[in-house]
Amino acid sequence: MSDILATKPESKAHPRGLYVLFATEMWERFNYYGMRAILILFMTQALLFDKKFASNLYGSYIGLIYLTPLIGGYVADRFWGNKRSILVGGLVMAAGEFILFFCGQFYDQPGPLSTILFFCGLGFMTAGNGFFKPNISSMVGQLYPKGDTRIDAAYTIFYMGINIGGALGPIICGLVGDTGNPADFKWAFVVGGVAMLISVIVQKLYQDKYLVGPTGEQLGNTPVTPLEETGPGAAALDVPLKKSAWLNPVFITIGLLAFSGVAIGILYFDAYYPFLSWLLLGSVIYIAFFLFSDKSLDRIAKEKMVVLFGVSFFVVFFWAAFEQAGASLTFFANEQTQRDLGWFVIPASFFQSVNSLFVIIFAAAFAWLWVKLGKRQPSAPTKMAIGLMSLALGFWWIATGVNNVAPGVKVSIIWLTGMYALHTWGELCLSPIGLSLFNKLAPLKFASLLMAVWFLANAAGNKFAGVLSGFYPEPGKPTSFLGYQMTNLYDFFMLFVVMAGVASIILFMLTKRLQKMMHGIK
């Protein structure tokens, strides 16, 4: 009997730690997407920022969201560990939400108080995200032994947590905050802050018991510095001594406040003296020079890196259009969409839940499709080109809906929801595929640095999204981008049709060349 028990196959159930991370991430995404759903409305309706200024600030904030994880991930890997970074990052994000609550409380008071609180709230949100976001995702894979067939399913479950939070956040925050009364926005920030505290509490209560590796070891603890990193001839005792300075609560608090201060400064100065776009461009050029000048890399490795830099360029155009969801498309939902159902007026912020709902509906179908096609499935660059074309079709759909519609006339919600369906299909063709491509093609010694290129492309796309949203035309106030005149919403949406469509066609034309440079990797 003992022999039979000894040879019994191991359970295929997922470790409980996965569901701890699922809940932690779900509440954090509830907080993030709920806050994002009402952010542009709060800026324009409560703080009375004009749409161009609000759009640019939105782009800077979302762009910085993708940059801070580069710092937070580095600090976690070297000094704090995943678990500590998740907890402190979550608390800083919660603090940011409550600062925004006070901003909403005093939004109509004379003086600069509300503006100061607003930038401080955004700064704390971006700083906290930098420590929370990269660390929780990396812990999912650590729950399983290498080669475990359950890992793909685990990330699918985790991804569902992201989208459940992304769907619920805008709805709940919209119900309490997007009421038509600017004084109510503050309650959305409270709800987001409470959700973030729930996320931290769940993580704290269960991390030590359930976040364990395949052999029972605790995951995400403070990393041990290799002895050789402490310097030639250093004694073993030097390791904990050097670590203790980084783990001192006073040092952690000062470091987080300083990091938040830097984020606040970047957001403030970029709002009035734009420089973030140039910083992103300079960072990419520097990384490219550093990588391609490395003599230890052979021709094949460098050709693979060319592919990664190439697709990153096209990713910028994708996110620049896709992230109109939180900016110009929110203006459109609020002003030009018929939201009155007779018995209920749909808050404009609700529409930011649609993408997450469509991801939940369609993600499994796309995963099945790629598996079904097997070796006949398109290459990664081709899938990304399809994603861009789907994005262009989404904007063509909504442009059709507003064509020849008189100013002030509201259109059916079918145009906005149909567009979001096409955008979701595009996202499923591009975002996970691009991330996977970076993992496959990046030389091992530069894997982290090349992942930074992916984040920089996302950051640049989001910043560009804010810039383009600033050209949203008002009745009687035409706008112009690179000589292209926009006098109405049809003209505005066609800008994204052309931008995403041309990018898609060019990427399609480059696909065969890129495939050769991938050297057999799909």
Foldseek 3Di string as FASTA:
>chain_A
DVVVVVPDDDDPDAFPVLVLLLLLLLLLLLLVLLCLLCQLVLCCPQLNDDQLLSLLLQLLLQLLLLVLLLVQVVCQVAAFWLLRLQLVLLLLLLVLLLLLLVLLQCSPPDDCSSVVSNLLSSLSNSNSSSSNVPRSVVLLVQQEDPPDPCSVVSVVSSLLSSLNSNQNNLQVLCVQALPVDSSRNSVSSVSSSVSSVVSSVSSVVPQQPGSAHPVGHRHGGTDFDPPVVVDPPDDPVVGVVVNVVCVPPVNVVVVSVVSSVVSSVQSVCCSPPNDVLVVLVVLVVVLLCVVVVDPVDDPLLVLLVVLLLVVLQLLLLLLLLLVCLSRLQLVCLQQAAQQCPPVDRDRSSSLSSLLSVLCVVCVVVVVVVCVVCDPNDAALLLLLLQLLLLLLVLLVQLLVQCPPPDPRHHTYCCSVSVSSNSNSSSCSSHVVSSVVSLVLSHDPVCSSVSVSSNSSSNSSSSSSSSNLSSQQEDAVRWGDDPRQIGRHVSSSSNVSSVSSNVSSVVSVVCRVVSVVSSPPHD
